[in-house]
Amino acid sequence: MSAGESDARKSPTIFLIAAEESGDRLGSGLIRALRERLGPGLKIVGVGGRHMAEQGMRSLVPIDELAIIGFMAIPKRLPVILRRIREATDEVLKQRPDVLVIIDSPDFTHRVARRVRARDPSIPIVDYVSPTVWVWRPGRARKMRAYVDRLLAVLPFEPAVHRKLSGPPCTYVGHPLLDELGTLRPDKQELARRSAAPPLLLVLPGSRRSEIKRNMAIFGDTLRLLRAQGVAFEPVLPTVPGLLDSVRAAAADWPVQPRIVVSDDDKKAAFRTARAALAKSGTVTLELALAGVPMVTAYRVTEIEAFIARRVIQTSSIILANLILGENVIPEFLQQDFTAENLAPALRDIVEDTPARQRQVEAFARLEDIMSTGGKRPSELAADNVIAMLR
């Protein structure tokens, strides 16, 4: 091997693509772990947001307009999405990386991966975060084999799902929330606050403007009914700075004004001291479960989206903790069941000492073992798998 060849092997180029906030955070941790292993000569290029930028990666394509949610959002954004897909594909082919890592957001990243594979099959492709083939469109798993060489799963049941569905080779690397257990679990004093009066009640209506508009009124009505039933509580509502004004306006007529917090430290402190939570379904429900906070969950989409979902969703629950545990311990109220009249009594059950509350507490205590990665951080395991795929 010549000196030039040796230097090339020591200084690989890795191209990462993340199209929204959650993927951007994963990408940031992955970049950090890759640099720890491959040293300063590593060249990181790609598409991402502010978290990946903090690790020194300049996004070659802007992603601000790429975050999409729901079936109905895609057609409205299609021209922009297609343009960004073409631009991202061109950048990958221009850079000719030693491996391409696509992170979550399959409506965007998989389209780039398919185009890259068609135009340059020699570039290895790693997919970090499996599409939800276990919820809907299971046929995607088999199709992914054509353009994904290694799939990195963040949920422990996903490798078995992909084996069953003839998906690409899949390795469980751990959920990024496992890195945050130290900031989610209460100390002795915080644990005592969970049992003190008035109980702290987390209210989590969502982190998107459309979710605030859709969920806040019913959440407020739920608190009104709960208070009318004589239940005392102190509501805390974590949100993001960009939604602060919208949240304040929507909560203005609530019977008990919530303490609104925006910093990550304040949010984690609330998770460590909360007795119960009312939450919109999503990743936050797994965060609550790992923190040991019993919850009631709710979700509502447009009628057209609900019509489609009823025909394609394959599981009995959409709550991640329920799926990981293999039992529906967390109640969920969807669509027409998402009413204050349904939520209030369910919430009262987990604020007070009841068998329903104890069932959740006991189930959540098993989660860490089920999700264990054997002591390695998820970002480290992901980095090891990416490095193994370098050409």
Protein backbone atom coordinates (compact mmCIF):
# COMPACT_ATOMS: atom_id res chain seq x y z
CA MET A 1 0.00 0.00 0.00
CA SER A 2 1.41 3.41 -0.94
CA ALA A 3 1.63 6.34 1.48
CA GLY A 4 -1.15 8.09 -0.44
CA GLU A 5 -3.41 5.08 -0.11
CA SER A 6 -2.63 4.84 3.60
CA ASP A 7 -3.52 8.51 4.16
CA ALA A 8 -6.80 8.07 2.27
CA ARG A 9 -7.75 5.17 4.53
CA LYS A 10 -6.91 7.20 7.62
CA SER A 11 -9.00 10.17 6.45
CA PRO A 12 -12.35 8.92 5.18
CA THR A 13 -15.23 11.12 4.06
CA ILE A 14 -18.63 10.48 5.64
CA PHE A 15 -21.77 12.13 4.27
CA LEU A 16 -24.72 12.50 6.66
CA ILE A 17 -28.27 13.59 5.86
CA ALA A 18 -30.80 14.66 8.48
CA ALA A 19 -33.94 16.53 7.45
CA GLU A 20 -35.47 17.60 10.78
CA GLU A 21 -34.76 18.28 14.46
CA SER A 22 -34.76 14.72 15.83
CA GLY A 23 -32.42 13.48 13.10
CA ASP A 24 -30.23 16.54 13.51
CA ARG A 25 -29.74 15.66 17.19
CA LEU A 26 -28.89 12.05 16.32
CA GLY A 27 -26.48 13.24 13.67
CA SER A 28 -24.74 15.51 16.16
CA GLY A 29 -24.06 12.63 18.56
CA LEU A 30 -22.93 10.41 15.71
CA ILE A 31 -20.45 13.02 14.43
CA ARG A 32 -18.98 13.39 17.91
CA ALA A 33 -18.53 9.61 18.28
CA LEU A 34 -17.06 9.28 14.78
CA ARG A 35 -14.48 11.99 15.46
CA GLU A 36 -13.51 10.27 18.73
CA ARG A 37 -12.79 7.08 16.80
CA LEU A 38 -11.36 8.36 13.51
CA GLY A 39 -9.52 11.48 14.67
CA PRO A 40 -9.21 15.00 13.27
CA GLY A 41 -8.53 13.85 9.72
CA LEU A 42 -12.13 12.66 9.30
CA LYS A 43 -14.07 14.69 6.75
CA ILE A 44 -17.73 15.14 7.65
CA VAL A 45 -20.03 16.67 5.04
CA GLY A 46 -23.75 16.60 4.53
CA VAL A 47 -27.19 18.02 5.17
CA GLY A 48 -28.35 18.93 8.65
CA GLY A 49 -29.33 21.60 11.15
CA ARG A 50 -27.94 23.56 14.06
CA HIS A 51 -26.93 20.58 16.21
CA MET A 52 -24.79 19.06 13.48
CA ALA A 53 -23.42 22.53 12.74
CA GLU A 54 -22.23 22.72 16.36
CA GLN A 55 -20.11 19.64 15.57
CA GLY A 56 -18.51 21.46 12.66
CA MET A 57 -20.65 20.27 9.75
CA ARG A 58 -21.87 22.94 7.35
CA SER A 59 -25.14 21.93 5.71
CA LEU A 60 -24.81 21.85 1.93
CA VAL A 61 -28.60 22.06 1.53
CA PRO A 62 -30.94 24.09 3.79
CA ILE A 63 -33.37 21.95 5.81
CA ASP A 64 -35.57 24.61 7.44
CA GLU A 65 -38.49 23.90 5.14
CA LEU A 66 -38.16 20.10 5.12
CA ALA A 67 -39.75 19.09 8.45
CA ILE A 68 -43.11 17.52 7.56
CA ILE A 69 -45.76 15.72 9.57
CA GLY A 70 -48.90 13.93 8.47
CA PHE A 71 -50.13 12.59 5.14
CA MET A 72 -51.64 15.93 4.11
CA ALA A 73 -48.47 17.97 4.60
CA ILE A 74 -46.47 16.23 1.87
CA PRO A 75 -48.37 17.39 -1.26
CA LYS A 76 -48.23 21.02 -0.17
CA ARG A 77 -44.46 20.88 0.22
CA LEU A 78 -43.72 18.58 -2.70
CA PRO A 79 -42.02 21.09 -5.05
CA VAL A 80 -39.58 22.21 -2.35
CA ILE A 81 -38.97 18.65 -1.14
CA LEU A 82 -38.24 17.36 -4.64
CA ARG A 83 -35.83 20.22 -5.32
CA ARG A 84 -33.96 19.55 -2.07
CA ILE A 85 -33.84 15.82 -2.86
CA ARG A 86 -32.18 16.57 -6.20
CA GLU A 87 -29.72 18.98 -4.57
CA ALA A 88 -28.81 16.54 -1.78
CA THR A 89 -28.32 13.70 -4.28
CA ASP A 90 -26.06 15.86 -6.44
CA GLU A 91 -23.97 16.82 -3.40
CA VAL A 92 -23.49 13.17 -2.37
CA LEU A 93 -22.34 12.22 -5.87
CA LYS A 94 -20.06 15.25 -6.02
CA GLN A 95 -18.39 14.37 -2.69
CA ARG A 96 -18.19 10.60 -3.41
CA PRO A 97 -18.05 9.70 0.32
CA ASP A 98 -16.76 6.45 1.78
CA VAL A 99 -20.20 5.94 3.32
CA LEU A 100 -23.55 7.75 3.18
CA VAL A 101 -25.58 7.86 6.41
CA ILE A 102 -29.25 8.78 6.11
CA ILE A 103 -30.93 9.66 9.42
CA ASP A 104 -34.67 9.21 9.97
CA SER A 105 -37.16 11.30 7.85
CA PRO A 106 -37.65 8.50 5.27
CA ASP A 107 -39.93 10.60 3.04
CA PHE A 108 -36.83 12.67 2.26
CA THR A 109 -33.73 10.62 3.04
CA HIS A 110 -34.82 7.39 1.34
CA ARG A 111 -35.54 9.20 -1.90
CA VAL A 112 -31.99 10.54 -1.82
CA ALA A 113 -30.60 7.08 -1.04
CA ARG A 114 -32.44 5.45 -3.95
CA ARG A 115 -31.13 8.05 -6.39
CA VAL A 116 -27.57 7.72 -5.08
CA ARG A 117 -27.69 3.92 -5.35
CA ALA A 118 -28.97 4.13 -8.94
CA ARG A 119 -26.21 6.53 -10.02
CA ASP A 120 -23.27 5.22 -7.95
CA PRO A 121 -23.82 1.73 -6.49
CA SER A 122 -20.32 1.71 -5.00
CA ILE A 123 -21.25 4.10 -2.14
CA PRO A 124 -22.27 2.12 1.00
CA ILE A 125 -25.51 3.40 2.55
CA VAL A 126 -26.38 3.20 6.25
CA ASP A 127 -29.87 4.08 7.49
CA TYR A 128 -29.92 5.37 11.09
CA VAL A 129 -33.50 4.89 12.49
CA SER A 130 -35.88 2.44 10.90
CA PRO A 131 -39.04 3.63 9.18
CA THR A 132 -42.09 2.49 11.15
CA VAL A 133 -42.63 -0.65 9.08
CA TRP A 134 -44.09 -2.27 12.21
CA VAL A 135 -46.93 0.30 12.20
CA TRP A 136 -47.74 0.67 8.51
CA ARG A 137 -46.44 -0.10 5.00
CA PRO A 138 -44.50 -3.25 6.00
CA GLY A 139 -43.57 -3.78 2.34
CA ARG A 140 -41.03 -0.96 2.70
CA ALA A 141 -38.72 -3.30 4.62
CA ARG A 142 -38.11 -5.62 1.66
CA LYS A 143 -37.76 -2.68 -0.77
CA MET A 144 -35.07 -1.11 1.41
CA ARG A 145 -32.71 -4.01 0.69
CA ALA A 146 -32.11 -2.51 -2.76
CA TYR A 147 -30.56 0.69 -1.40
CA VAL A 148 -29.74 0.23 2.32
CA ASP A 149 -26.70 -1.87 3.25
CA ARG A 150 -27.05 -1.58 7.05
CA LEU A 151 -29.97 -0.40 9.18
CA LEU A 152 -29.32 0.96 12.69
CA ALA A 153 -32.38 0.46 14.90
CA VAL A 154 -33.19 2.59 17.97
CA LEU A 155 -35.94 0.27 19.26
CA PRO A 156 -35.05 -3.22 20.52
CA PHE A 157 -37.78 -5.11 18.66
CA GLU A 158 -36.90 -3.73 15.22
CA PRO A 159 -34.18 -6.23 14.16
CA ALA A 160 -36.67 -9.09 14.59
CA VAL A 161 -39.29 -7.15 12.62
CA HIS A 162 -36.91 -6.65 9.70
CA ARG A 163 -35.86 -10.31 9.71
CA LYS A 164 -39.53 -11.29 9.53
CA LEU A 165 -40.24 -8.79 6.74
CA SER A 166 -37.03 -9.61 4.77
CA GLY A 167 -35.65 -6.13 5.36
CA PRO A 168 -31.97 -5.08 5.20
CA PRO A 169 -29.44 -6.30 7.82
CA CYS A 170 -30.50 -4.54 11.02
CA THR A 171 -28.61 -3.90 14.27
CA TYR A 172 -30.03 -2.46 17.49
CA VAL A 173 -27.79 0.40 18.65
CA GLY A 174 -30.03 1.87 21.36
CA HIS A 175 -32.36 4.83 21.67
CA PRO A 176 -30.71 8.25 22.20
CA LEU A 177 -32.85 8.77 25.31
CA LEU A 178 -30.69 6.15 27.05
CA ASP A 179 -27.95 8.78 27.13
CA GLU A 180 -30.25 11.05 29.11
CA LEU A 181 -31.29 8.69 31.91
CA GLY A 182 -29.14 10.56 34.43
CA THR A 183 -31.03 13.78 33.77
CA LEU A 184 -34.47 12.11 33.70
CA ARG A 185 -34.36 10.00 36.87
CA PRO A 186 -35.17 11.70 40.22
CA ASP A 187 -32.84 11.85 43.21
CA LYS A 188 -34.18 11.18 46.73
CA GLN A 189 -35.47 14.72 47.22
CA GLU A 190 -37.10 14.86 43.78
CA LEU A 191 -38.70 11.47 44.35
CA ALA A 192 -40.25 12.82 47.54
CA ARG A 193 -41.72 15.72 45.56
CA ARG A 194 -43.57 13.22 43.36
CA SER A 195 -45.58 12.20 46.41
CA ALA A 196 -46.02 15.70 47.89
CA ALA A 197 -49.09 17.91 47.58
CA PRO A 198 -50.16 19.41 45.31
CA PRO A 199 -48.96 16.84 42.76
CA LEU A 200 -47.03 18.24 39.83
CA LEU A 201 -48.86 17.45 36.57
CA LEU A 202 -46.97 17.68 33.28
CA VAL A 203 -49.02 18.93 30.33
CA LEU A 204 -47.45 18.17 26.94
CA PRO A 205 -49.65 19.23 24.00
CA GLY A 206 -46.92 18.88 21.34
CA SER A 207 -44.01 20.78 19.86
CA ARG A 208 -45.54 21.96 16.58
CA ARG A 209 -47.79 24.95 16.02
CA SER A 210 -50.51 22.76 14.50
CA GLU A 211 -50.49 20.54 17.60
CA ILE A 212 -50.87 23.53 19.91
CA LYS A 213 -53.87 24.67 17.90
CA ARG A 214 -55.38 21.18 17.85
CA ASN A 215 -54.73 20.04 21.44
CA MET A 216 -54.60 22.96 23.87
CA ALA A 217 -58.36 23.58 24.17
CA ILE A 218 -59.18 19.96 25.03
CA PHE A 219 -56.24 19.74 27.42
CA GLY A 220 -57.54 22.87 29.16
CA ASP A 221 -61.05 21.41 29.38
CA THR A 222 -59.55 18.24 30.88
CA LEU A 223 -57.87 20.26 33.63
CA ARG A 224 -61.15 22.09 34.22
CA LEU A 225 -63.01 18.81 34.76
CA LEU A 226 -60.22 17.45 36.95
CA ARG A 227 -60.34 20.52 39.19
CA ALA A 228 -64.16 20.33 39.31
CA GLN A 229 -63.82 16.78 40.63
CA GLY A 230 -61.81 18.14 43.56
CA VAL A 231 -58.40 16.98 42.36
CA ALA A 232 -55.61 19.37 43.33
CA PHE A 233 -52.61 19.69 41.01
CA GLU A 234 -49.87 22.04 39.86
CA PRO A 235 -49.65 22.05 36.04
CA VAL A 236 -46.30 22.53 34.33
CA LEU A 237 -46.16 22.94 30.54
CA PRO A 238 -42.77 22.58 28.83
CA THR A 239 -42.54 24.14 25.37
CA VAL A 240 -39.98 25.58 22.94
CA PRO A 241 -39.15 29.31 22.68
CA GLY A 242 -40.73 29.65 19.23
CA LEU A 243 -44.12 28.48 20.54
CA LEU A 244 -44.11 30.39 23.83
CA ASP A 245 -46.50 33.15 22.73
CA SER A 246 -48.90 30.66 21.12
CA VAL A 247 -48.93 28.47 24.23
CA ARG A 248 -49.53 31.43 26.54
CA ALA A 249 -52.43 32.65 24.42
CA ALA A 250 -54.00 29.19 24.22
CA ALA A 251 -53.71 28.66 28.00
CA ALA A 252 -55.02 32.11 28.92
CA ASP A 253 -58.50 30.83 29.86
CA TRP A 254 -57.42 27.62 31.57
CA PRO A 255 -58.90 27.26 35.10
CA VAL A 256 -55.43 26.69 36.56
CA GLN A 257 -52.65 28.61 34.87
CA PRO A 258 -49.73 26.32 34.04
CA ARG A 259 -46.15 27.17 34.84
CA ILE A 260 -44.66 27.35 31.35
CA VAL A 261 -40.99 26.37 31.02
CA VAL A 262 -38.82 26.61 27.92
CA SER A 263 -35.28 25.61 28.94
CA ASP A 264 -34.16 22.00 28.64
CA ASP A 265 -32.92 22.06 32.26
CA ASP A 266 -36.34 23.19 33.54
CA LYS A 267 -38.07 20.57 31.42
CA LYS A 268 -35.85 17.77 32.78
CA ALA A 269 -36.39 19.03 36.34
CA ALA A 270 -40.16 18.85 35.77
CA PHE A 271 -39.83 15.28 34.46
CA ARG A 272 -37.90 14.30 37.59
CA THR A 273 -40.54 15.70 39.98
CA ALA A 274 -43.83 15.13 38.11
CA ARG A 275 -46.34 12.69 39.52
CA ALA A 276 -48.25 12.25 36.26
CA ALA A 277 -48.54 13.59 32.71
CA LEU A 278 -51.11 14.38 30.05
CA ALA A 279 -49.27 14.08 26.75
CA LYS A 280 -49.72 14.10 23.02
CA SER A 281 -48.54 10.76 21.62
CA GLY A 282 -44.98 10.82 20.33
CA THR A 283 -41.38 10.30 21.42
CA VAL A 284 -42.07 12.29 24.60
CA THR A 285 -44.11 9.34 25.88
CA LEU A 286 -40.98 7.16 25.87
CA GLU A 287 -39.10 9.96 27.63
CA LEU A 288 -41.80 10.05 30.32
CA ALA A 289 -41.76 6.27 30.69
CA LEU A 290 -37.98 6.19 31.16
CA ALA A 291 -38.39 8.94 33.76
CA GLY A 292 -40.97 6.77 35.54
CA VAL A 293 -43.86 9.21 35.09
CA PRO A 294 -47.32 7.58 34.58
CA MET A 295 -49.28 9.21 31.79
CA VAL A 296 -52.44 9.49 29.74
CA THR A 297 -51.90 10.07 26.02
CA ALA A 298 -54.01 11.55 23.26
CA TYR A 299 -53.69 12.23 19.55
CA ARG A 300 -55.86 13.66 16.82
CA VAL A 301 -55.27 14.24 13.10
CA THR A 302 -57.48 15.40 10.25
CA GLU A 303 -60.35 13.13 9.23
CA ILE A 304 -58.66 12.28 5.91
CA GLU A 305 -55.44 11.31 7.70
CA ALA A 306 -57.44 9.25 10.19
CA PHE A 307 -59.29 7.50 7.34
CA ILE A 308 -55.97 6.49 5.77
CA ALA A 309 -54.39 5.54 9.10
CA ARG A 310 -57.23 3.19 10.05
CA ARG A 311 -56.59 1.21 6.89
CA VAL A 312 -52.83 0.96 7.10
CA ILE A 313 -51.77 0.92 10.76
CA GLN A 314 -50.81 -2.63 11.81
CA THR A 315 -50.38 -2.31 15.60
CA SER A 316 -52.73 -2.19 18.58
CA SER A 317 -50.91 0.86 19.99
CA ILE A 318 -48.96 3.83 18.66
CA ILE A 319 -47.20 4.44 22.00
CA LEU A 320 -43.51 3.46 21.86
CA ALA A 321 -43.33 2.31 25.50
CA ASN A 322 -46.36 0.06 24.96
CA LEU A 323 -44.73 -1.48 21.89
CA ILE A 324 -41.39 -2.04 23.66
CA LEU A 325 -43.07 -3.53 26.74
CA GLY A 326 -45.37 -5.69 24.63
CA GLU A 327 -48.47 -4.60 26.55
CA ASN A 328 -50.76 -1.57 26.47
CA VAL A 329 -50.14 -0.16 29.95
CA ILE A 330 -50.45 3.48 28.84
CA PRO A 331 -53.98 4.55 27.89
CA GLU A 332 -54.33 6.38 24.58
CA PHE A 333 -57.33 8.35 23.35
CA LEU A 334 -57.38 8.87 19.59
CA GLN A 335 -59.60 10.88 17.25
CA GLN A 336 -63.24 10.87 18.49
CA ASP A 337 -62.09 9.43 21.84
CA PHE A 338 -59.86 12.46 22.40
CA THR A 339 -62.28 14.32 24.70
CA ALA A 340 -62.00 15.95 28.10
CA GLU A 341 -64.73 13.61 29.37
CA ASN A 342 -62.50 10.61 28.57
CA LEU A 343 -59.18 12.13 29.59
CA ALA A 344 -60.14 13.54 33.00
CA PRO A 345 -61.09 10.25 34.75
CA ALA A 346 -58.12 8.43 33.21
CA LEU A 347 -55.82 11.20 34.43
CA ARG A 348 -57.34 11.12 37.89
CA ASP A 349 -56.55 7.39 38.05
CA ILE A 350 -52.83 8.00 37.62
CA VAL A 351 -52.61 11.10 39.82
CA GLU A 352 -54.12 9.16 42.71
CA ASP A 353 -52.85 5.87 44.14
CA THR A 354 -54.69 3.30 42.07
CA PRO A 355 -53.91 -0.08 40.44
CA ALA A 356 -53.76 1.73 37.06
CA ARG A 357 -50.98 3.99 38.33
CA GLN A 358 -49.08 1.10 39.94
CA ARG A 359 -49.29 -0.95 36.75
CA GLN A 360 -47.54 1.80 34.78
CA VAL A 361 -44.88 2.36 37.46
CA GLU A 362 -44.02 -1.35 37.56
CA ALA A 363 -43.94 -1.65 33.77
CA PHE A 364 -41.68 1.39 33.37
CA ALA A 365 -39.19 -0.16 35.80
CA ARG A 366 -38.56 -2.91 33.22
CA LEU A 367 -37.85 -0.58 30.29
CA GLU A 368 -34.16 0.09 30.91
CA ASP A 369 -33.32 -3.63 30.93
CA ILE A 370 -35.35 -4.26 27.76
CA MET A 371 -33.63 -1.35 25.99
CA SER A 372 -30.13 -2.07 27.31
CA THR A 373 -27.14 -1.73 24.99
CA GLY A 374 -24.70 -3.53 27.30
CA GLY A 375 -23.15 -0.39 28.71
CA LYS A 376 -22.22 1.29 25.42
CA ARG A 377 -23.71 4.63 24.44
CA PRO A 378 -26.07 4.49 21.42
CA SER A 379 -23.99 7.05 19.50
CA GLU A 380 -20.87 4.91 20.04
CA LEU A 381 -22.56 1.76 18.77
CA ALA A 382 -23.90 3.69 15.78
CA ALA A 383 -20.42 5.02 15.02
CA ASP A 384 -18.91 1.52 15.22
CA ASN A 385 -21.45 0.26 12.68
CA VAL A 386 -20.88 3.18 10.33
CA ILE A 387 -17.10 2.68 10.44
CA ALA A 388 -17.55 -1.01 9.66
CA MET A 389 -19.27 0.01 6.42
CA LEU A 390 -16.51 2.31 5.13
CA ARG A 391 -15.41 1.30 1.63
